[in-house]
Every structure is written in C-alpha cells, then in structure tokens.
Amino acid sequence: MKAAPASHGVEQFKSVQRRTLAVLSLSQIIGGLGVAVGLAFSSLIVEDLSGSVTISGFAGTAMVLGSALFALPIAKVATISGRRASLALGYASAAVGGAVATLAIGLGSWPLVLVGFLLIGAGSTTNLAARYSATDLSPKGTTARHLSLVVWATTIGSVAGPNLAQPADAIGKNLGLAEYAGPFAFATFAFLVALLFLFFFLRPDPLKLARTVSTGGGEVPKRVMRAGWDAIRSSAGARAAVLAIAISHTAMVSIMSMTPVHLKHGGATTGIIGLALSLHIAGMYVFSPLVGWLADKAGKIPVLVLGMAILLGSAVLAMTAGEHSVGQITASLILLGLGWSCGLVAGSALLTESTPIGQRASVQGLSDLLVSVCGATGTVVAGLIVGGLSYSALGIAVGIVVTATGVWLAARRRALTAP
C-alpha cells in the first residue's frame, strides 16, 4: 500500500484538537436533531398532500438524493476553503430546505415539499462530513477513536429528534403554522444554530491547520475531484476502505429498509417495529467509541473483517427468521447496526490515513457520494428481491456479499497494512 505522507507535528495541537472534537460533537447533536425531526413526518406529509402512497415514497428518495448531490460540493469547498466553510455550506443549504418545506406545507404543494427535502439532504451529508473533520489533527494512533466520538454524538440527535417532532408540530400549530410544518420550522432553526456554532467556534480550522504542519501532500490540487480519484486509485488502503464502507452501508440499508415490512406482514404492531428500529440505531452508534478504540489498537483491517463477520451473522439471523420471529429479527437488526459501525469507523479511519492531506477532503467526499448511491441502490434492489422472492432471499444475498468482502480483506491484510 502506498502510505499517505505523515502529518508530523499535530501532537503540538492537542488542546486545539480537544476543542475541535467538542465543537464537532455538539454540532452533530444539533444538526442531527434537525435531520431526525424532519424525517419523522416526511412520508406522511407527502402522502397527505399528494393523496398517493406511491408518491409518499419519494420523500425518503429526495433526502437520499440530496445527500448524494451535496457530497462533492461540500468536499470541494473543504479542499479549497477548509472544514468550517464546507460544514457551514451544508447546514446553510439544509436550513434553506427546512424553510422551503415549511412554506410548501402551508401552500399544500407536495412537489415543493420534495424540493425542500432535497436540500435537507445536505444536512445528512454535513453530519457525515463532520466525522472526517475530527481526524485532521488526530495524533498518530488515535484517528479511529477521535472519529468515533463524533459518530457517537449522532446518537443523541437521532434518538431525540423523532420524539421532538410531535411537540414541534403542536407548537407550530399554536403559532399559526399548518399541520406538520412545525417540525420543519424547528429543523430550520436547528440547522441555523449548528451553522452559527461551527462558524464562530470551529477555530482554527482543523484542515487548514493540519496542512501547515504536514511534511508532504499538503498542497491543494487545482482539479479537486480528479485529484481525489487519482488518490484513491493510487492507494490500496484507500480502495479497500471505500469498498468496505460501501458494502457495510449497502448491507445495512438493504436489510433495515425491508425489515419493517417483514414484521408488519407478521402482525407486529407499530410499537414493536419502532422498538426494533430503535435498538438497531443503538447498535449503529452507541458502541462506536469501542469500535474506534479497537480499530486503533488491533488495526483497521481486522476490525473491517470483524464487521463483515458481524454483518454475516445478521444476515443469517434474517434469512432464518419467520415473520413472527420478532426477537430473532431484532437481534439481527442490532448486529446489523454494529457491523455497519465497524465498517464506517474503521473504514473512514483507514481512508483518512491512506490519503495525502491535500487530497483528503476530496477523497472523503467521493467516498460519501459512493455510499449514498450504494444506499439508494440497495433499498431498490432489496425491494425487488423481497417482492420477487422473499425476505430470506435478501438475507442470503447480503450474506454472500459480506462474506466475499470479508474473505478478500482478510486475504489482502498484509498488503493493505504494509508501510
């Protein structure tokens, strides 16, 4: 593997890094609230305004598409102007989206609502990009742990957000807003607070500061995205990281997206389905600091292989679970979240460490774009498999993919970890 040039000297900025991690974690909580509150009623709103269950599915599609569309612009701004400007751009776009959605609900226009959702997708991209900002000043051997702390902070916003949607709707009605408009007004406010918080407190900019102490590879390329592709192609570690993150995410969204349907067909109540999904989200985020510590201590590739093994365990439980096997399906979802966490944390850390700092932001943006595309594709393919075959067939398909990826990573371990 072609190693990325070392960024010697970041150890002297430990106090700056602690401040950076605190600011990023708090912004993740605030921005995560905005995204989660918006998601809570999104499909219901579109169905109510359009009168179509089919069109209601476009709500999630719009947000995923928006997340993909903003991945490269945010990465390009980070490469040229630093993390603070890029994260501010993302939250500003999401705030505009929240305002558009609030207005559109009042006007009763579902196409305009979808435009708002598209822009809100920038908030998801910004939350993803924040994890990489945590690594710019990480001393050697702490990349995964620092990244995982910011990922963990997402838990608070993701769990609390949906629970705030109903109170936000009630407050919105009292203020004269239309039904369901309140949560998006709240989301707009949350994105603006996150934007201002980052703008005033993410100083000095971690990426800019890291470049000043880099011993090589710190030059900003003129052709940002082309340089990103070149950096991925020239590094075996970067290629392995992108593959592992993409496969982990695709496996996760494929099973997760179809599990509520499978449980509903088995007669599970909305409460039971909600509890199963909540435990799945806990599996995704709660253990991320432990995953980060393990990745720094045992190595990124072993944790990625472990993640694929955990995803395989989830797939086996899914493929052997009947519609009424709520306990087994819930266990599958918890493992699904934990396997995804291993892939995201260890893969993101490996990608960062395998890339010269000058190309790092563009490479990270390209990776997040691929993840978004794979996630959207995974939900479509999963629906086709379950609709045409069965939920068990989906588990088998995911099991084959993660097994092949895990075996490949294990076989290439020495080459991928060579200096």
Protein backbone atom coordinates (compact mmCIF):
# COMPACT_ATOMS: atom_id res chain seq x y z
CA MET A 1 0.00 0.00 0.00
CA LYS A 2 1.23 3.45 -0.82
CA ALA A 3 1.21 5.21 2.52
CA ALA A 4 -0.07 8.72 2.88
CA PRO A 5 2.53 11.27 3.89
CA ALA A 6 2.66 11.60 7.65
CA SER A 7 1.36 14.80 9.20
CA HIS A 8 4.08 15.18 11.80
CA GLY A 9 3.64 17.94 14.27
CA VAL A 10 -0.08 17.60 15.03
CA GLU A 11 0.81 16.39 18.54
CA GLN A 12 1.55 20.00 19.48
CA PHE A 13 -2.10 20.89 18.84
CA LYS A 14 -3.68 18.53 21.37
CA SER A 15 -5.59 21.34 23.08
CA VAL A 16 -6.89 22.57 19.72
CA GLN A 17 -7.96 19.02 18.87
CA ARG A 18 -9.87 18.65 22.13
CA ARG A 19 -11.72 21.86 21.37
CA THR A 20 -12.36 20.71 17.79
CA LEU A 21 -13.83 17.40 18.96
CA ALA A 22 -16.10 19.17 21.45
CA VAL A 23 -17.36 21.66 18.85
CA LEU A 24 -17.94 18.94 16.24
CA SER A 25 -19.74 16.68 18.71
CA LEU A 26 -22.10 19.44 19.82
CA SER A 27 -22.79 20.49 16.24
CA GLN A 28 -23.56 16.84 15.42
CA ILE A 29 -26.16 16.73 18.16
CA ILE A 30 -27.80 19.95 16.95
CA GLY A 31 -27.62 19.12 13.25
CA GLY A 32 -28.72 15.54 13.92
CA LEU A 33 -31.83 16.86 15.65
CA GLY A 34 -32.67 18.84 12.52
CA VAL A 35 -32.34 15.84 10.23
CA ALA A 36 -34.19 13.43 12.54
CA VAL A 37 -37.09 15.82 13.24
CA GLY A 38 -37.53 16.36 9.51
CA LEU A 39 -37.53 12.64 8.78
CA ALA A 40 -40.22 11.84 11.34
CA PHE A 41 -43.23 13.07 9.33
CA SER A 42 -41.70 13.30 5.84
CA SER A 43 -43.54 10.42 4.14
CA LEU A 44 -46.81 11.21 5.95
CA ILE A 45 -46.69 14.80 4.71
CA VAL A 46 -46.14 13.84 1.08
CA GLU A 47 -48.90 11.22 1.25
CA ASP A 48 -51.29 13.72 2.83
CA LEU A 49 -50.59 16.43 0.24
CA SER A 50 -50.45 14.16 -2.82
CA GLY A 51 -53.06 11.61 -1.82
CA SER A 52 -50.76 8.84 -3.05
CA VAL A 53 -48.91 6.17 -1.07
CA THR A 54 -46.59 5.66 -4.04
CA ILE A 55 -45.57 9.32 -4.16
CA SER A 56 -45.01 9.30 -0.39
CA GLY A 57 -42.01 7.05 -1.02
CA PHE A 58 -40.35 9.94 -2.86
CA ALA A 59 -39.83 11.71 0.48
CA GLY A 60 -37.01 9.40 1.52
CA THR A 61 -35.68 9.28 -2.04
CA ALA A 62 -35.44 13.08 -2.17
CA MET A 63 -33.41 13.24 1.04
CA VAL A 64 -31.06 10.45 -0.07
CA LEU A 65 -30.64 12.09 -3.46
CA GLY A 66 -29.96 15.43 -1.81
CA SER A 67 -27.33 13.83 0.40
CA ALA A 68 -25.60 12.43 -2.69
CA LEU A 69 -25.81 15.69 -4.65
CA PHE A 70 -24.17 17.72 -1.88
CA ALA A 71 -21.33 15.27 -1.14
CA LEU A 72 -18.97 16.59 -3.81
CA PRO A 73 -19.68 20.34 -3.44
CA ILE A 74 -19.11 20.12 0.32
CA ALA A 75 -15.89 18.18 -0.26
CA LYS A 76 -14.69 20.70 -2.85
CA VAL A 77 -15.30 23.63 -0.52
CA ALA A 78 -13.44 21.79 2.25
CA THR A 79 -10.47 21.21 -0.03
CA ILE A 80 -10.29 24.84 -1.12
CA SER A 81 -11.54 26.78 1.93
CA GLY A 82 -11.36 24.38 4.87
CA ARG A 83 -13.77 22.41 7.05
CA ARG A 84 -15.53 25.39 8.64
CA ALA A 85 -16.68 26.79 5.29
CA SER A 86 -17.77 23.38 3.97
CA LEU A 87 -19.79 22.41 7.03
CA ALA A 88 -21.38 25.86 7.13
CA LEU A 89 -22.39 25.46 3.48
CA GLY A 90 -24.06 22.14 4.23
CA TYR A 91 -26.06 23.40 7.18
CA ALA A 92 -27.00 26.61 5.35
CA SER A 93 -28.39 24.54 2.46
CA ALA A 94 -30.29 22.31 4.90
CA ALA A 95 -31.73 25.39 6.65
CA VAL A 96 -32.99 26.71 3.31
CA GLY A 97 -34.51 23.28 2.71
CA GLY A 98 -36.31 23.36 6.04
CA ALA A 99 -37.70 26.81 5.28
CA VAL A 100 -38.84 25.71 1.82
CA ALA A 101 -40.56 22.63 3.28
CA THR A 102 -42.30 24.76 5.93
CA LEU A 103 -43.58 27.15 3.27
CA ALA A 104 -44.58 24.33 0.90
CA ILE A 105 -46.66 22.57 3.56
CA GLY A 106 -48.54 25.80 4.18
CA LEU A 107 -49.15 26.14 0.43
CA GLY A 108 -50.16 22.49 0.10
CA SER A 109 -47.57 21.83 -2.64
CA TRP A 110 -46.02 18.37 -2.44
CA PRO A 111 -43.56 18.98 -5.34
CA LEU A 112 -42.18 21.99 -3.49
CA VAL A 113 -42.01 19.91 -0.31
CA LEU A 114 -39.79 17.44 -2.17
CA VAL A 115 -37.52 20.31 -3.21
CA GLY A 116 -37.19 21.21 0.46
CA PHE A 117 -36.40 17.58 1.34
CA LEU A 118 -33.74 17.54 -1.37
CA LEU A 119 -31.99 20.48 0.29
CA ILE A 120 -32.41 18.98 3.76
CA GLY A 121 -30.37 16.07 2.46
CA ALA A 122 -27.38 18.42 2.70
CA GLY A 123 -27.74 18.14 6.48
CA SER A 124 -27.15 14.38 6.33
CA THR A 125 -24.08 14.90 4.17
CA THR A 126 -22.76 17.52 6.58
CA ASN A 127 -23.22 15.19 9.54
CA LEU A 128 -21.22 12.54 7.67
CA ALA A 129 -18.50 15.01 6.69
CA ALA A 130 -18.09 16.13 10.31
CA ARG A 131 -16.62 12.76 11.27
CA TYR A 132 -13.69 13.37 8.94
CA SER A 133 -13.12 16.84 10.39
CA ALA A 134 -12.36 15.10 13.68
CA THR A 135 -9.32 13.36 12.17
CA ASP A 136 -7.40 16.29 10.67
CA LEU A 137 -5.44 16.96 13.86
CA SER A 138 -5.53 13.45 15.31
CA PRO A 139 -2.12 12.30 16.62
CA LYS A 140 -0.87 9.01 15.23
CA GLY A 141 -2.81 6.03 16.54
CA THR A 142 -5.94 7.98 17.55
CA THR A 143 -7.68 8.56 14.21
CA ALA A 144 -10.42 5.97 14.66
CA ARG A 145 -11.12 6.93 18.27
CA HIS A 146 -11.47 10.62 17.51
CA LEU A 147 -13.67 9.91 14.51
CA SER A 148 -15.85 7.53 16.54
CA LEU A 149 -16.55 10.16 19.20
CA VAL A 150 -18.20 12.42 16.63
CA VAL A 151 -20.12 9.43 15.19
CA TRP A 152 -21.31 8.59 18.71
CA ALA A 153 -22.64 12.13 19.19
CA THR A 154 -25.03 11.44 16.33
CA THR A 155 -26.87 9.04 18.65
CA ILE A 156 -28.35 11.86 20.70
CA GLY A 157 -29.83 13.73 17.76
CA SER A 158 -31.01 10.55 16.02
CA VAL A 159 -32.84 9.26 19.09
CA ALA A 160 -34.17 12.57 20.43
CA GLY A 161 -35.20 14.04 17.06
CA PRO A 162 -38.25 11.88 16.30
CA ASN A 163 -39.51 12.36 19.86
CA LEU A 164 -39.44 16.15 19.38
CA ALA A 165 -41.45 16.05 16.16
CA GLN A 166 -44.85 15.88 17.88
CA PRO A 167 -44.18 18.74 20.35
CA ALA A 168 -42.72 20.83 17.49
CA ASP A 169 -45.88 20.22 15.47
CA ALA A 170 -48.07 21.31 18.40
CA ILE A 171 -46.01 24.48 18.93
CA GLY A 172 -46.16 25.19 15.21
CA LYS A 173 -49.94 24.97 15.20
CA ASN A 174 -50.13 27.37 18.15
CA LEU A 175 -48.00 29.80 16.14
CA GLY A 176 -50.37 29.56 13.17
CA LEU A 177 -48.37 27.12 11.04
CA ALA A 178 -50.04 24.35 9.04
CA GLU A 179 -50.15 20.79 10.36
CA TYR A 180 -46.73 19.08 10.09
CA ALA A 181 -45.00 22.41 9.33
CA GLY A 182 -43.78 22.85 12.92
CA PRO A 183 -41.11 20.11 12.78
CA PHE A 184 -39.56 21.67 9.69
CA ALA A 185 -39.55 25.11 11.23
CA PHE A 186 -37.74 23.52 14.18
CA ALA A 187 -35.33 21.77 11.80
CA THR A 188 -34.58 25.11 10.11
CA PHE A 189 -33.78 26.62 13.49
CA ALA A 190 -31.56 23.66 14.45
CA PHE A 191 -29.57 23.87 11.20
CA LEU A 192 -29.04 27.60 11.67
CA VAL A 193 -27.85 27.11 15.24
CA ALA A 194 -25.42 24.38 14.09
CA LEU A 195 -24.18 26.67 11.31
CA LEU A 196 -23.53 29.61 13.64
CA PHE A 197 -21.97 27.39 16.29
CA LEU A 198 -19.46 25.98 13.79
CA PHE A 199 -18.79 29.35 12.20
CA PHE A 200 -17.85 31.00 15.48
CA PHE A 201 -16.23 28.15 17.40
CA LEU A 202 -14.52 25.84 14.85
CA ARG A 203 -11.40 28.00 15.00
CA PRO A 204 -8.71 27.46 13.95
CA ASP A 205 -9.90 25.41 11.00
CA PRO A 206 -8.56 21.86 11.64
CA LEU A 207 -7.85 21.03 7.99
CA LYS A 208 -6.06 24.30 7.30
CA LEU A 209 -4.00 23.92 10.47
CA ALA A 210 -3.10 20.31 9.64
CA ARG A 211 -1.82 21.39 6.23
CA THR A 212 0.57 23.88 7.82
CA VAL A 213 2.36 21.08 9.72
CA SER A 214 2.17 18.40 7.03
CA THR A 215 5.52 17.09 5.81
CA GLY A 216 4.12 16.35 2.38
CA GLY A 217 0.97 16.04 0.33
CA GLY A 218 -0.48 19.21 1.77
CA GLU A 219 -0.77 21.10 -1.50
CA VAL A 220 -4.30 21.93 -2.63
CA PRO A 221 -4.82 20.49 -6.14
CA LYS A 222 -6.20 22.65 -8.95
CA ARG A 223 -8.51 19.89 -10.18
CA VAL A 224 -10.02 18.84 -6.88
CA MET A 225 -12.21 15.89 -7.82
CA ARG A 226 -9.75 14.48 -10.35
CA ALA A 227 -7.07 14.55 -7.68
CA GLY A 228 -9.43 12.67 -5.38
CA TRP A 229 -9.98 9.88 -7.89
CA ASP A 230 -6.24 9.68 -8.54
CA ALA A 231 -5.52 9.43 -4.81
CA ILE A 232 -7.99 6.53 -4.44
CA ARG A 233 -6.59 4.68 -7.45
CA SER A 234 -3.01 5.05 -6.24
CA SER A 235 -3.65 3.71 -2.71
CA ALA A 236 -4.65 0.11 -1.99
CA GLY A 237 -5.69 1.13 1.51
CA ALA A 238 -8.00 3.85 0.19
CA ARG A 239 -9.59 1.46 -2.30
CA ALA A 240 -10.16 -1.15 0.40
CA ALA A 241 -11.63 1.48 2.73
CA VAL A 242 -14.08 2.79 0.15
CA LEU A 243 -15.15 -0.77 -0.71
CA ALA A 244 -15.64 -1.73 2.94
CA ILE A 245 -17.65 1.38 3.79
CA ALA A 246 -19.85 0.99 0.70
CA ILE A 247 -20.53 -2.72 1.30
CA SER A 248 -21.25 -2.19 5.00
CA HIS A 249 -23.70 0.62 4.25
CA THR A 250 -25.40 -1.24 1.41
CA ALA A 251 -25.86 -4.35 3.56
CA MET A 252 -27.26 -2.26 6.40
CA VAL A 253 -29.82 -0.26 4.43
CA SER A 254 -30.90 -3.29 2.37
CA ILE A 255 -31.98 -5.35 5.37
CA MET A 256 -33.08 -2.41 7.53
CA SER A 257 -35.34 -0.91 4.86
CA MET A 258 -37.30 -4.14 4.34
CA THR A 259 -37.49 -5.34 7.94
CA PRO A 260 -40.48 -3.13 8.95
CA VAL A 261 -42.44 -4.56 6.01
CA HIS A 262 -41.48 -8.11 7.01
CA LEU A 263 -42.51 -7.51 10.62
CA LYS A 264 -45.78 -5.87 9.59
CA HIS A 265 -46.69 -8.89 7.47
CA GLY A 266 -46.16 -10.99 10.60
CA GLY A 267 -48.65 -8.89 12.53
CA ALA A 268 -46.17 -6.84 14.57
CA THR A 269 -47.54 -3.60 15.97
CA THR A 270 -46.13 -0.18 15.16
CA GLY A 271 -44.72 0.00 18.69
CA ILE A 272 -42.82 -3.27 18.30
CA ILE A 273 -41.46 -2.22 14.92
CA GLY A 274 -40.39 1.13 16.36
CA LEU A 275 -38.61 -0.56 19.28
CA ALA A 276 -36.76 -2.91 16.93
CA LEU A 277 -35.59 0.03 14.81
CA SER A 278 -34.55 1.99 17.91
CA LEU A 279 -32.36 -0.92 19.03
CA HIS A 280 -30.92 -1.05 15.52
CA ILE A 281 -29.97 2.64 15.73
CA ALA A 282 -28.40 1.97 19.13
CA GLY A 283 -26.31 -0.77 17.53
CA MET A 284 -25.18 1.70 14.86
CA TYR A 285 -23.95 4.45 17.16
CA VAL A 286 -23.72 3.54 20.85
CA PHE A 287 -20.70 1.25 20.51
CA SER A 288 -18.78 3.42 18.05
CA PRO A 289 -16.20 4.62 20.66
CA LEU A 290 -15.41 0.98 21.47
CA VAL A 291 -15.11 0.21 17.76
CA GLY A 292 -12.79 3.21 17.31
CA TRP A 293 -10.57 2.12 20.22
CA LEU A 294 -10.37 -1.42 18.81
CA ALA A 295 -9.53 -0.15 15.33
CA ASP A 296 -6.63 1.93 16.67
CA LYS A 297 -5.34 -0.91 18.85
CA ALA A 298 -5.90 -4.00 16.68
CA GLY A 299 -5.79 -2.37 13.25
CA LYS A 300 -8.34 -1.15 10.75
CA ILE A 301 -8.36 -4.24 8.51
CA PRO A 302 -9.05 -6.72 11.36
CA VAL A 303 -11.98 -4.56 12.53
CA LEU A 304 -13.32 -4.36 8.96
CA VAL A 305 -13.14 -8.16 8.72
CA LEU A 306 -14.88 -8.38 12.11
CA GLY A 307 -17.56 -6.03 10.81
CA MET A 308 -18.20 -8.25 7.79
CA ALA A 309 -18.45 -11.27 10.11
CA ILE A 310 -21.00 -9.46 12.27
CA LEU A 311 -22.98 -8.46 9.17
CA LEU A 312 -22.91 -12.11 8.10
CA GLY A 313 -24.33 -13.09 11.49
CA SER A 314 -27.09 -10.52 11.00
CA ALA A 315 -27.83 -11.88 7.52
CA VAL A 316 -28.02 -15.47 8.82
CA LEU A 317 -30.50 -14.46 11.52
CA ALA A 318 -32.55 -12.58 8.92
CA MET A 319 -32.61 -15.41 6.39
CA THR A 320 -33.74 -17.95 9.01
CA ALA A 321 -36.31 -15.74 10.75
CA GLY A 322 -40.01 -16.15 10.15
CA GLU A 323 -42.47 -13.25 10.06
CA HIS A 324 -43.37 -13.85 13.72
CA SER A 325 -39.76 -14.20 14.98
CA VAL A 326 -39.63 -10.70 16.44
CA GLY A 327 -36.83 -11.47 18.90
CA GLN A 328 -34.60 -13.02 16.24
CA ILE A 329 -35.24 -10.21 13.78
CA THR A 330 -34.47 -7.61 16.46
CA ALA A 331 -31.20 -9.39 17.24
CA SER A 332 -30.44 -9.31 13.51
CA LEU A 333 -31.02 -5.56 13.43
CA ILE A 334 -28.75 -4.94 16.42
CA LEU A 335 -25.94 -6.93 14.77
CA LEU A 336 -26.66 -5.10 11.53
CA GLY A 337 -26.06 -1.77 13.24
CA LEU A 338 -22.89 -2.97 14.98
CA GLY A 339 -21.44 -4.39 11.75
CA TRP A 340 -22.18 -1.10 9.99
CA SER A 341 -20.40 0.77 12.80
CA CYS A 342 -17.28 -1.35 12.32
CA GLY A 343 -17.32 -0.67 8.59
CA LEU A 344 -17.93 3.07 8.93
CA VAL A 345 -15.49 3.83 11.75
CA ALA A 346 -12.60 1.56 10.73
CA GLY A 347 -13.14 2.22 7.02
CA SER A 348 -13.26 6.00 7.43
CA ALA A 349 -10.12 5.95 9.58
CA LEU A 350 -8.29 3.77 7.04
CA LEU A 351 -9.36 6.06 4.21
CA THR A 352 -8.06 9.10 6.09
CA GLU A 353 -4.72 7.50 6.94
CA SER A 354 -4.25 6.25 3.36
CA THR A 355 -4.68 9.65 1.71
CA PRO A 356 -2.33 12.66 1.45
CA ILE A 357 -3.79 15.58 3.38
CA GLY A 358 -4.05 17.79 0.29
CA GLN A 359 -6.43 15.31 -1.37
CA ARG A 360 -8.07 14.06 1.82
CA ALA A 361 -11.29 16.11 1.72
CA SER A 362 -11.99 15.31 -1.93
CA VAL A 363 -11.37 11.59 -1.38
CA GLN A 364 -13.68 11.61 1.64
CA GLY A 365 -16.39 13.40 -0.36
CA LEU A 366 -16.13 10.90 -3.20
CA SER A 367 -16.45 8.07 -0.69
CA ASP A 368 -19.58 9.60 0.86
CA LEU A 369 -21.07 10.07 -2.61
CA LEU A 370 -20.50 6.39 -3.36
CA VAL A 371 -22.02 5.42 -0.01
CA SER A 372 -25.17 7.45 -0.76
CA VAL A 373 -25.51 5.94 -4.23
CA CYS A 374 -24.99 2.42 -2.90
CA GLY A 375 -27.51 3.04 -0.14
CA ALA A 376 -30.16 4.22 -2.58
CA THR A 377 -29.43 1.30 -4.91
CA GLY A 378 -29.51 -1.14 -2.02
CA THR A 379 -33.03 -0.14 -0.99
CA VAL A 380 -34.31 -0.55 -4.56
CA VAL A 381 -32.65 -3.93 -5.06
CA ALA A 382 -33.79 -5.13 -1.63
CA GLY A 383 -37.38 -4.27 -2.51
CA LEU A 384 -37.12 -6.21 -5.76
CA ILE A 385 -35.63 -9.25 -4.02
CA VAL A 386 -38.22 -9.32 -1.24
CA GLY A 387 -41.08 -8.59 -3.65
CA GLY A 388 -39.97 -11.18 -6.20
CA LEU A 389 -38.57 -13.82 -3.85
CA SER A 390 -38.58 -13.39 -0.06
CA TYR A 391 -37.04 -11.70 2.97
CA SER A 392 -34.94 -14.83 3.45
CA ALA A 393 -33.55 -14.45 -0.06
CA LEU A 394 -32.46 -10.92 0.84
CA GLY A 395 -30.59 -12.29 3.85
CA ILE A 396 -28.85 -14.85 1.63
CA ALA A 397 -27.83 -12.21 -0.91
CA VAL A 398 -26.42 -9.90 1.77
CA GLY A 399 -24.63 -12.84 3.40
CA ILE A 400 -22.88 -13.76 0.16
CA VAL A 401 -21.73 -10.18 -0.49
CA VAL A 402 -20.34 -9.52 3.01
CA THR A 403 -18.66 -12.94 3.14
CA ALA A 404 -16.88 -12.32 -0.15
CA THR A 405 -15.77 -8.87 1.04
CA GLY A 406 -14.56 -10.18 4.39
CA VAL A 407 -12.57 -13.01 2.79
CA TRP A 408 -10.97 -10.57 0.33
CA LEU A 409 -9.98 -8.15 3.10
CA ALA A 410 -8.53 -10.97 5.22
CA ALA A 411 -6.57 -12.34 2.26
CA ARG A 412 -5.18 -8.89 1.45
CA ARG A 413 -4.45 -7.92 5.05
CA ARG A 414 -0.66 -7.90 4.76
CA ALA A 415 -0.65 -5.92 1.52
CA LEU A 416 -3.14 -3.40 2.89
CA THR A 417 -1.23 -2.82 6.14
CA ALA A 418 2.28 -2.78 4.68
CA PRO A 419 4.17 0.51 5.26
